[in-house]
Amino acid sequence: MVKSLMRFRLVIAPHQLKIVRFLVTDELEPLIKVIQSIYPNKLTEAKQPQGLVMPHDRDDMLELLGNLLDNACKYAKTNALIQFEEINDGWRITIEDDGKGVSESALQVISGKGVRLDESIQGHGFGLSICKDIVESYPGSLNFQPSGLGGLKVTISLPSLS
């Protein structure tokens, strides 16, 4: 199974592979603007060190963060937050919202393929599964827990790759 967009491109067109690093400062603002155009009544707040460059594939990171921010804003009452932190051996990205959150039992199955916790909201149930595959391909970790804001908190840990 191909676990990331970068690896998929390597399989189908290895001669065209050019890994583009993820420039957080440059890429995050346009991504947030797109999310805010979809959810105009939700505030999306970002905190990241200036000039942060991650060695992870740009397209993978945009897919990952786009899915997670979309979910956070979809379920938020008014606010979603994304935060980047450099840690000793890589990066930690936290995305949380002020929505109603999910039950303890749902936290255990939330990233399964085709799992949809809320059938009343449009979607297919593959977004979090895709996120899990991307993160694990680096190899990193993706954890779900209740947020201090009231909703869901997603924590992504990615290695430095050096």
N, C-alpha and C. Protein backbone atom coordinates (compact mmCIF):
# COMPACT_ATOMS: atom_id res chain seq x y z
N MET A 1 0.84 -1.19 0.00
CA MET A 1 0.00 0.00 0.00
C MET A 1 0.88 1.25 0.00
N VAL A 2 0.59 2.17 -0.86
CA VAL A 2 1.32 3.42 -0.93
C VAL A 2 0.84 4.31 0.21
N LYS A 3 1.76 4.79 1.04
CA LYS A 3 1.36 5.50 2.25
C LYS A 3 1.43 7.01 2.15
N SER A 4 2.04 7.58 1.17
CA SER A 4 2.05 9.04 1.07
C SER A 4 2.00 9.45 -0.39
N LEU A 5 1.58 10.68 -0.59
CA LEU A 5 1.53 11.19 -1.96
C LEU A 5 2.92 11.20 -2.58
N MET A 6 3.93 11.53 -1.78
CA MET A 6 5.29 11.55 -2.29
C MET A 6 5.71 10.16 -2.77
N ARG A 7 5.42 9.15 -1.99
CA ARG A 7 5.79 7.79 -2.38
C ARG A 7 4.98 7.32 -3.58
N PHE A 8 3.74 7.73 -3.68
CA PHE A 8 2.91 7.39 -4.83
C PHE A 8 3.51 7.97 -6.10
N ARG A 9 3.93 9.24 -6.02
CA ARG A 9 4.56 9.86 -7.18
C ARG A 9 5.85 9.15 -7.56
N LEU A 10 6.60 8.66 -6.56
CA LEU A 10 7.82 7.93 -6.83
C LEU A 10 7.53 6.65 -7.61
N VAL A 11 6.43 5.99 -7.29
CA VAL A 11 6.05 4.76 -7.97
C VAL A 11 5.62 5.01 -9.41
N ILE A 12 4.79 6.05 -9.63
CA ILE A 12 4.24 6.24 -10.97
C ILE A 12 5.13 7.07 -11.89
N ALA A 13 5.97 7.92 -11.32
CA ALA A 13 6.81 8.77 -12.18
C ALA A 13 8.11 9.13 -11.46
N PRO A 14 8.99 8.16 -11.24
CA PRO A 14 10.20 8.43 -10.47
C PRO A 14 11.10 9.49 -11.09
N HIS A 15 11.09 9.61 -12.39
CA HIS A 15 11.94 10.60 -13.05
C HIS A 15 11.45 12.03 -12.83
N GLN A 16 10.20 12.19 -12.41
CA GLN A 16 9.64 13.52 -12.19
C GLN A 16 9.62 13.91 -10.72
N LEU A 17 10.13 13.05 -9.85
CA LEU A 17 10.04 13.31 -8.41
C LEU A 17 10.95 14.46 -8.01
N LYS A 18 10.37 15.45 -7.42
CA LYS A 18 11.10 16.56 -6.85
C LYS A 18 10.44 16.84 -5.50
N ILE A 19 11.16 16.56 -4.44
CA ILE A 19 10.61 16.77 -3.11
C ILE A 19 10.70 18.25 -2.77
N VAL A 20 9.57 18.84 -2.49
CA VAL A 20 9.49 20.24 -2.12
C VAL A 20 9.20 20.30 -0.63
N ARG A 21 10.09 20.92 0.10
CA ARG A 21 9.90 21.02 1.55
C ARG A 21 8.71 21.91 1.88
N PHE A 22 8.19 21.72 3.08
CA PHE A 22 7.02 22.46 3.53
C PHE A 22 7.46 23.71 4.26
N LEU A 23 7.26 24.86 3.64
CA LEU A 23 7.60 26.16 4.23
C LEU A 23 6.38 26.66 4.99
N VAL A 24 6.35 26.40 6.27
CA VAL A 24 5.17 26.65 7.08
C VAL A 24 4.72 28.11 6.97
N THR A 25 5.66 29.04 7.09
CA THR A 25 5.32 30.46 7.06
C THR A 25 4.66 30.85 5.74
N ASP A 26 5.13 30.27 4.62
CA ASP A 26 4.57 30.61 3.30
C ASP A 26 3.28 29.87 2.98
N GLU A 27 3.16 28.63 3.43
CA GLU A 27 2.05 27.77 3.01
C GLU A 27 0.83 27.83 3.92
N LEU A 28 1.02 28.13 5.19
CA LEU A 28 -0.08 28.05 6.13
C LEU A 28 -1.13 29.14 5.92
N GLU A 29 -0.70 30.35 5.67
CA GLU A 29 -1.65 31.46 5.49
C GLU A 29 -2.62 31.22 4.33
N PRO A 30 -2.14 30.83 3.13
CA PRO A 30 -3.09 30.55 2.04
C PRO A 30 -4.02 29.38 2.37
N LEU A 31 -3.52 28.35 3.05
CA LEU A 31 -4.37 27.23 3.44
C LEU A 31 -5.47 27.70 4.38
N ILE A 32 -5.13 28.51 5.35
CA ILE A 32 -6.13 29.03 6.29
C ILE A 32 -7.15 29.90 5.56
N LYS A 33 -6.72 30.68 4.60
CA LYS A 33 -7.66 31.52 3.83
C LYS A 33 -8.68 30.65 3.08
N VAL A 34 -8.22 29.54 2.52
CA VAL A 34 -9.14 28.63 1.83
C VAL A 34 -10.15 28.06 2.83
N ILE A 35 -9.66 27.60 3.98
CA ILE A 35 -10.53 27.05 5.01
C ILE A 35 -11.54 28.10 5.49
N GLN A 36 -11.08 29.34 5.67
CA GLN A 36 -11.98 30.40 6.12
C GLN A 36 -13.01 30.77 5.05
N SER A 37 -12.67 30.56 3.78
CA SER A 37 -13.67 30.83 2.74
C SER A 37 -14.77 29.76 2.77
N ILE A 38 -14.43 28.55 3.21
CA ILE A 38 -15.41 27.48 3.33
C ILE A 38 -16.25 27.65 4.59
N TYR A 39 -15.60 28.10 5.67
CA TYR A 39 -16.26 28.28 6.98
C TYR A 39 -16.07 29.72 7.43
N PRO A 40 -16.79 30.67 6.82
CA PRO A 40 -16.55 32.10 7.09
C PRO A 40 -16.88 32.54 8.52
N ASN A 41 -17.68 31.79 9.24
CA ASN A 41 -18.04 32.19 10.60
C ASN A 41 -17.18 31.53 11.66
N LYS A 42 -16.10 30.88 11.24
CA LYS A 42 -15.21 30.20 12.17
C LYS A 42 -13.85 30.87 12.11
N LEU A 43 -13.31 31.19 13.26
CA LEU A 43 -11.99 31.79 13.35
C LEU A 43 -10.95 30.69 13.38
N THR A 44 -9.97 30.76 12.49
CA THR A 44 -8.87 29.80 12.49
C THR A 44 -7.61 30.56 12.89
N GLU A 45 -7.05 30.17 14.00
CA GLU A 45 -5.89 30.84 14.57
C GLU A 45 -4.66 29.95 14.38
N ALA A 46 -3.52 30.56 14.05
CA ALA A 46 -2.30 29.79 13.84
C ALA A 46 -1.15 30.35 14.67
N LYS A 47 -0.36 29.43 15.23
CA LYS A 47 0.84 29.81 15.97
C LYS A 47 1.98 28.94 15.47
N GLN A 48 3.04 29.60 14.97
CA GLN A 48 4.19 28.85 14.49
C GLN A 48 5.42 29.73 14.57
N PRO A 49 6.59 29.12 14.75
CA PRO A 49 7.83 29.90 14.73
C PRO A 49 8.04 30.50 13.34
N GLN A 50 8.50 31.74 13.28
CA GLN A 50 8.76 32.39 12.00
C GLN A 50 9.85 31.64 11.25
N GLY A 51 9.66 31.50 9.95
CA GLY A 51 10.66 30.88 9.10
C GLY A 51 10.76 29.37 9.22
N LEU A 52 9.77 28.73 9.85
CA LEU A 52 9.81 27.28 10.04
C LEU A 52 9.72 26.56 8.70
N VAL A 53 10.71 25.70 8.45
CA VAL A 53 10.74 24.86 7.27
C VAL A 53 10.80 23.42 7.75
N MET A 54 9.87 22.61 7.27
CA MET A 54 9.85 21.19 7.63
C MET A 54 10.34 20.39 6.43
N PRO A 55 11.15 19.36 6.65
CA PRO A 55 11.70 18.59 5.53
C PRO A 55 10.70 17.60 4.93
N HIS A 56 9.48 17.68 5.32
CA HIS A 56 8.44 16.77 4.83
C HIS A 56 7.85 17.30 3.53
N ASP A 57 7.35 16.41 2.71
CA ASP A 57 6.83 16.77 1.40
C ASP A 57 5.68 17.78 1.52
N ARG A 58 5.78 18.85 0.75
CA ARG A 58 4.79 19.93 0.77
C ARG A 58 3.38 19.41 0.52
N ASP A 59 3.21 18.58 -0.51
CA ASP A 59 1.86 18.09 -0.84
C ASP A 59 1.30 17.20 0.26
N ASP A 60 2.15 16.38 0.87
CA ASP A 60 1.70 15.56 1.99
C ASP A 60 1.21 16.45 3.14
N MET A 61 1.98 17.47 3.46
CA MET A 61 1.63 18.35 4.58
C MET A 61 0.36 19.15 4.28
N LEU A 62 0.20 19.61 3.05
CA LEU A 62 -1.03 20.33 2.70
C LEU A 62 -2.25 19.42 2.77
N GLU A 63 -2.10 18.18 2.31
CA GLU A 63 -3.20 17.21 2.40
C GLU A 63 -3.53 16.93 3.87
N LEU A 64 -2.52 16.69 4.66
CA LEU A 64 -2.69 16.39 6.08
C LEU A 64 -3.36 17.56 6.81
N LEU A 65 -2.78 18.73 6.70
CA LEU A 65 -3.29 19.89 7.44
C LEU A 65 -4.62 20.37 6.88
N GLY A 66 -4.80 20.27 5.58
CA GLY A 66 -6.09 20.65 4.99
C GLY A 66 -7.22 19.79 5.52
N ASN A 67 -7.01 18.48 5.57
CA ASN A 67 -8.03 17.57 6.11
C ASN A 67 -8.32 17.87 7.57
N LEU A 68 -7.27 18.04 8.37
CA LEU A 68 -7.46 18.26 9.80
C LEU A 68 -8.10 19.61 10.11
N LEU A 69 -7.68 20.67 9.40
CA LEU A 69 -8.29 21.98 9.60
C LEU A 69 -9.74 21.99 9.13
N ASP A 70 -10.02 21.29 8.03
CA ASP A 70 -11.39 21.19 7.54
C ASP A 70 -12.28 20.54 8.60
N ASN A 71 -11.82 19.44 9.18
CA ASN A 71 -12.58 18.78 10.23
C ASN A 71 -12.75 19.67 11.45
N ALA A 72 -11.67 20.33 11.87
CA ALA A 72 -11.74 21.19 13.05
C ALA A 72 -12.77 22.30 12.85
N CYS A 73 -12.76 22.94 11.69
CA CYS A 73 -13.71 24.02 11.44
C CYS A 73 -15.13 23.49 11.23
N LYS A 74 -15.24 22.33 10.62
CA LYS A 74 -16.55 21.72 10.39
C LYS A 74 -17.29 21.50 11.72
N TYR A 75 -16.56 21.06 12.74
CA TYR A 75 -17.17 20.72 14.02
C TYR A 75 -17.03 21.80 15.08
N ALA A 76 -16.25 22.84 14.84
CA ALA A 76 -16.07 23.92 15.81
C ALA A 76 -17.34 24.73 15.96
N LYS A 77 -17.52 25.28 17.15
CA LYS A 77 -18.60 26.25 17.35
C LYS A 77 -18.18 27.57 16.71
N THR A 78 -17.01 28.07 17.11
CA THR A 78 -16.54 29.35 16.59
C THR A 78 -15.05 29.39 16.29
N ASN A 79 -14.25 28.45 16.83
CA ASN A 79 -12.81 28.62 16.79
C ASN A 79 -12.07 27.31 16.56
N ALA A 80 -11.04 27.37 15.73
CA ALA A 80 -10.10 26.26 15.55
C ALA A 80 -8.70 26.84 15.67
N LEU A 81 -7.78 26.06 16.20
CA LEU A 81 -6.42 26.51 16.45
C LEU A 81 -5.44 25.49 15.90
N ILE A 82 -4.39 25.97 15.22
CA ILE A 82 -3.29 25.11 14.79
C ILE A 82 -2.01 25.69 15.34
N GLN A 83 -1.17 24.82 15.88
CA GLN A 83 0.07 25.26 16.50
C GLN A 83 1.21 24.33 16.10
N PHE A 84 2.34 24.91 15.73
CA PHE A 84 3.55 24.17 15.37
C PHE A 84 4.60 24.39 16.44
N GLU A 85 5.27 23.31 16.82
CA GLU A 85 6.36 23.42 17.79
C GLU A 85 7.52 22.54 17.32
N GLU A 86 8.73 23.09 17.38
CA GLU A 86 9.92 22.27 17.16
C GLU A 86 10.22 21.58 18.48
N ILE A 87 10.40 20.28 18.42
CA ILE A 87 10.77 19.52 19.61
C ILE A 87 12.12 18.87 19.35
N ASN A 88 12.70 18.23 20.35
CA ASN A 88 14.07 17.70 20.25
C ASN A 88 14.33 16.90 18.98
N ASP A 89 13.44 16.00 18.63
CA ASP A 89 13.70 15.09 17.52
C ASP A 89 12.74 15.30 16.34
N GLY A 90 12.17 16.48 16.22
CA GLY A 90 11.25 16.73 15.11
C GLY A 90 10.28 17.86 15.40
N TRP A 91 9.01 17.62 15.05
CA TRP A 91 7.98 18.64 15.17
C TRP A 91 6.72 18.06 15.78
N ARG A 92 6.00 18.94 16.46
CA ARG A 92 4.68 18.59 16.96
C ARG A 92 3.71 19.64 16.40
N ILE A 93 2.64 19.15 15.80
CA ILE A 93 1.59 20.01 15.28
C ILE A 93 0.32 19.66 16.04
N THR A 94 -0.34 20.68 16.58
CA THR A 94 -1.57 20.47 17.32
C THR A 94 -2.69 21.25 16.66
N ILE A 95 -3.80 20.57 16.43
CA ILE A 95 -4.99 21.21 15.87
C ILE A 95 -6.14 20.89 16.80
N GLU A 96 -6.84 21.92 17.26
CA GLU A 96 -7.96 21.69 18.16
C GLU A 96 -9.10 22.66 17.85
N ASP A 97 -10.29 22.28 18.33
CA ASP A 97 -11.47 23.09 18.09
C ASP A 97 -12.30 23.20 19.36
N ASP A 98 -13.25 24.10 19.33
CA ASP A 98 -14.13 24.32 20.48
C ASP A 98 -15.51 23.70 20.29
N GLY A 99 -15.57 22.64 19.50
CA GLY A 99 -16.85 21.95 19.25
C GLY A 99 -17.28 21.09 20.43
N LYS A 100 -18.18 20.16 20.16
CA LYS A 100 -18.70 19.32 21.24
C LYS A 100 -17.80 18.14 21.59
N GLY A 101 -16.79 17.87 20.77
CA GLY A 101 -15.86 16.79 21.05
C GLY A 101 -16.43 15.44 20.66
N VAL A 102 -15.69 14.38 21.00
CA VAL A 102 -16.12 13.01 20.70
C VAL A 102 -15.97 12.16 21.96
N SER A 103 -16.70 11.08 22.00
CA SER A 103 -16.67 10.19 23.16
C SER A 103 -15.34 9.44 23.23
N GLU A 104 -15.05 8.89 24.41
CA GLU A 104 -13.83 8.09 24.59
C GLU A 104 -13.79 6.90 23.63
N SER A 105 -14.93 6.23 23.44
CA SER A 105 -14.96 5.08 22.54
C SER A 105 -14.72 5.50 21.09
N ALA A 106 -15.23 6.66 20.71
CA ALA A 106 -15.02 7.16 19.35
C ALA A 106 -13.56 7.52 19.10
N LEU A 107 -12.86 7.98 20.14
CA LEU A 107 -11.44 8.33 19.98
C LEU A 107 -10.61 7.13 19.53
N GLN A 108 -11.05 5.93 19.91
CA GLN A 108 -10.31 4.71 19.57
C GLN A 108 -10.46 4.32 18.11
N VAL A 109 -11.56 4.70 17.46
CA VAL A 109 -11.83 4.25 16.08
C VAL A 109 -11.87 5.38 15.06
N ILE A 110 -11.65 6.59 15.50
CA ILE A 110 -11.89 7.78 14.67
C ILE A 110 -11.09 7.79 13.36
N SER A 111 -9.90 7.19 13.34
CA SER A 111 -9.07 7.25 12.12
C SER A 111 -9.19 6.02 11.24
N GLY A 112 -10.18 5.18 11.49
CA GLY A 112 -10.39 4.00 10.65
C GLY A 112 -10.96 4.38 9.29
N LYS A 113 -10.64 3.61 8.28
CA LYS A 113 -11.14 3.87 6.92
C LYS A 113 -12.66 3.79 6.88
N GLY A 114 -13.30 4.83 6.35
CA GLY A 114 -14.75 4.85 6.20
C GLY A 114 -15.52 5.14 7.47
N VAL A 115 -14.81 5.43 8.56
CA VAL A 115 -15.49 5.73 9.83
C VAL A 115 -16.01 7.15 9.79
N ARG A 116 -17.32 7.28 10.00
CA ARG A 116 -17.96 8.60 10.09
C ARG A 116 -18.73 8.63 11.40
N LEU A 117 -18.34 9.55 12.26
CA LEU A 117 -19.00 9.65 13.56
C LEU A 117 -20.30 10.45 13.47
N ASP A 118 -20.40 11.32 12.50
CA ASP A 118 -21.59 12.16 12.35
C ASP A 118 -22.11 12.02 10.92
N GLU A 119 -23.13 11.22 10.75
CA GLU A 119 -23.70 10.98 9.42
C GLU A 119 -24.48 12.19 8.89
N SER A 120 -24.77 13.17 9.76
CA SER A 120 -25.55 14.32 9.32
C SER A 120 -24.70 15.36 8.59
N ILE A 121 -23.39 15.23 8.69
CA ILE A 121 -22.47 16.16 8.04
C ILE A 121 -21.85 15.49 6.83
N GLN A 122 -21.75 16.25 5.75
CA GLN A 122 -21.25 15.71 4.49
C GLN A 122 -19.81 15.20 4.62
N GLY A 123 -19.53 14.08 3.99
CA GLY A 123 -18.19 13.51 3.99
C GLY A 123 -18.24 12.03 3.66
N HIS A 124 -17.07 11.44 3.52
CA HIS A 124 -16.99 10.02 3.16
C HIS A 124 -16.32 9.17 4.23
N GLY A 125 -15.68 9.80 5.22
CA GLY A 125 -15.04 9.04 6.28
C GLY A 125 -13.63 8.57 5.96
N PHE A 126 -12.99 9.16 4.96
CA PHE A 126 -11.63 8.76 4.60
C PHE A 126 -10.58 9.79 4.99
N GLY A 127 -10.96 11.00 5.33
CA GLY A 127 -10.01 12.08 5.61
C GLY A 127 -9.03 11.75 6.72
N LEU A 128 -9.52 11.30 7.87
CA LEU A 128 -8.63 11.00 8.99
C LEU A 128 -7.79 9.75 8.73
N SER A 129 -8.34 8.82 7.97
CA SER A 129 -7.58 7.63 7.59
C SER A 129 -6.41 8.02 6.68
N ILE A 130 -6.65 8.93 5.76
CA ILE A 130 -5.58 9.44 4.88
C ILE A 130 -4.53 10.15 5.72
N CYS A 131 -4.97 10.95 6.68
CA CYS A 131 -4.04 11.66 7.56
C CYS A 131 -3.17 10.67 8.32
N LYS A 132 -3.78 9.63 8.84
CA LYS A 132 -3.04 8.61 9.58
C LYS A 132 -1.99 7.95 8.68
N ASP A 133 -2.37 7.61 7.45
CA ASP A 133 -1.42 6.99 6.52
C ASP A 133 -0.24 7.92 6.21
N ILE A 134 -0.53 9.20 5.99
CA ILE A 134 0.54 10.16 5.69
C ILE A 134 1.51 10.24 6.87
N VAL A 135 0.97 10.43 8.07
CA VAL A 135 1.81 10.60 9.26
C VAL A 135 2.64 9.34 9.51
N GLU A 136 2.03 8.18 9.41
CA GLU A 136 2.75 6.93 9.66
C GLU A 136 3.82 6.64 8.61
N SER A 137 3.69 7.21 7.42
CA SER A 137 4.67 6.97 6.37
C SER A 137 6.00 7.65 6.65
N TYR A 138 6.07 8.57 7.62
CA TYR A 138 7.31 9.32 7.84
C TYR A 138 8.33 8.71 8.80
N PRO A 139 8.24 7.95 9.73
CA PRO A 139 7.08 7.52 10.51
C PRO A 139 6.85 8.48 11.68
N GLY A 140 5.62 8.84 11.84
CA GLY A 140 5.23 9.73 12.92
C GLY A 140 4.05 9.15 13.65
N SER A 141 3.42 9.97 14.47
CA SER A 141 2.23 9.50 15.20
C SER A 141 1.13 10.55 15.14
N LEU A 142 -0.08 10.05 15.21
CA LEU A 142 -1.29 10.88 15.16
C LEU A 142 -2.15 10.46 16.35
N ASN A 143 -2.43 11.40 17.24
CA ASN A 143 -3.20 11.08 18.45
C ASN A 143 -4.40 12.00 18.57
N PHE A 144 -5.48 11.44 19.08
CA PHE A 144 -6.73 12.16 19.28
C PHE A 144 -7.07 12.16 20.76
N GLN A 145 -7.48 13.33 21.28
CA GLN A 145 -7.89 13.43 22.68
C GLN A 145 -8.81 14.63 22.83
N PRO A 146 -9.49 14.73 23.97
CA PRO A 146 -10.34 15.90 24.20
C PRO A 146 -9.48 17.17 24.26
N SER A 147 -10.02 18.25 23.74
CA SER A 147 -9.33 19.54 23.74
C SER A 147 -9.73 20.35 24.97
N GLY A 148 -8.82 21.15 25.44
CA GLY A 148 -9.13 22.10 26.50
C GLY A 148 -10.12 23.15 26.05
N LEU A 149 -10.29 23.29 24.74
CA LEU A 149 -11.26 24.24 24.19
C LEU A 149 -12.68 23.66 24.19
N GLY A 150 -12.79 22.35 24.43
CA GLY A 150 -14.10 21.70 24.48
C GLY A 150 -14.31 20.66 23.39
N GLY A 151 -13.61 20.77 22.28
CA GLY A 151 -13.80 19.85 21.17
C GLY A 151 -12.74 18.77 21.12
N LEU A 152 -12.21 18.53 19.93
CA LEU A 152 -11.21 17.50 19.69
C LEU A 152 -9.84 18.14 19.55
N LYS A 153 -8.84 17.46 20.07
CA LYS A 153 -7.45 17.87 19.91
C LYS A 153 -6.72 16.76 19.15
N VAL A 154 -6.09 17.13 18.05
CA VAL A 154 -5.30 16.20 17.25
C VAL A 154 -3.85 16.61 17.38
N THR A 155 -3.01 15.66 17.78
CA THR A 155 -1.58 15.94 17.92
C THR A 155 -0.81 15.05 16.94
N ILE A 156 -0.01 15.72 16.11
CA ILE A 156 0.82 15.05 15.11
C ILE A 156 2.26 15.20 15.55
N SER A 157 2.98 14.11 15.61
CA SER A 157 4.41 14.15 15.89
C SER A 157 5.13 13.61 14.67
N LEU A 158 6.08 14.40 14.14
CA LEU A 158 6.83 14.01 12.96
C LEU A 158 8.32 14.08 13.26
N PRO A 159 9.09 13.10 12.79
CA PRO A 159 10.54 13.12 13.03
C PRO A 159 11.23 14.17 12.17
N SER A 160 12.47 14.46 12.53
CA SER A 160 13.23 15.48 11.80
C SER A 160 13.72 15.01 10.44
N LEU A 161 13.80 13.72 10.18
CA LEU A 161 14.25 13.12 8.93
C LEU A 161 15.72 13.38 8.63
N SER A 162 16.49 13.76 9.62
CA SER A 162 17.92 14.02 9.34
C SER A 162 18.80 12.94 9.89
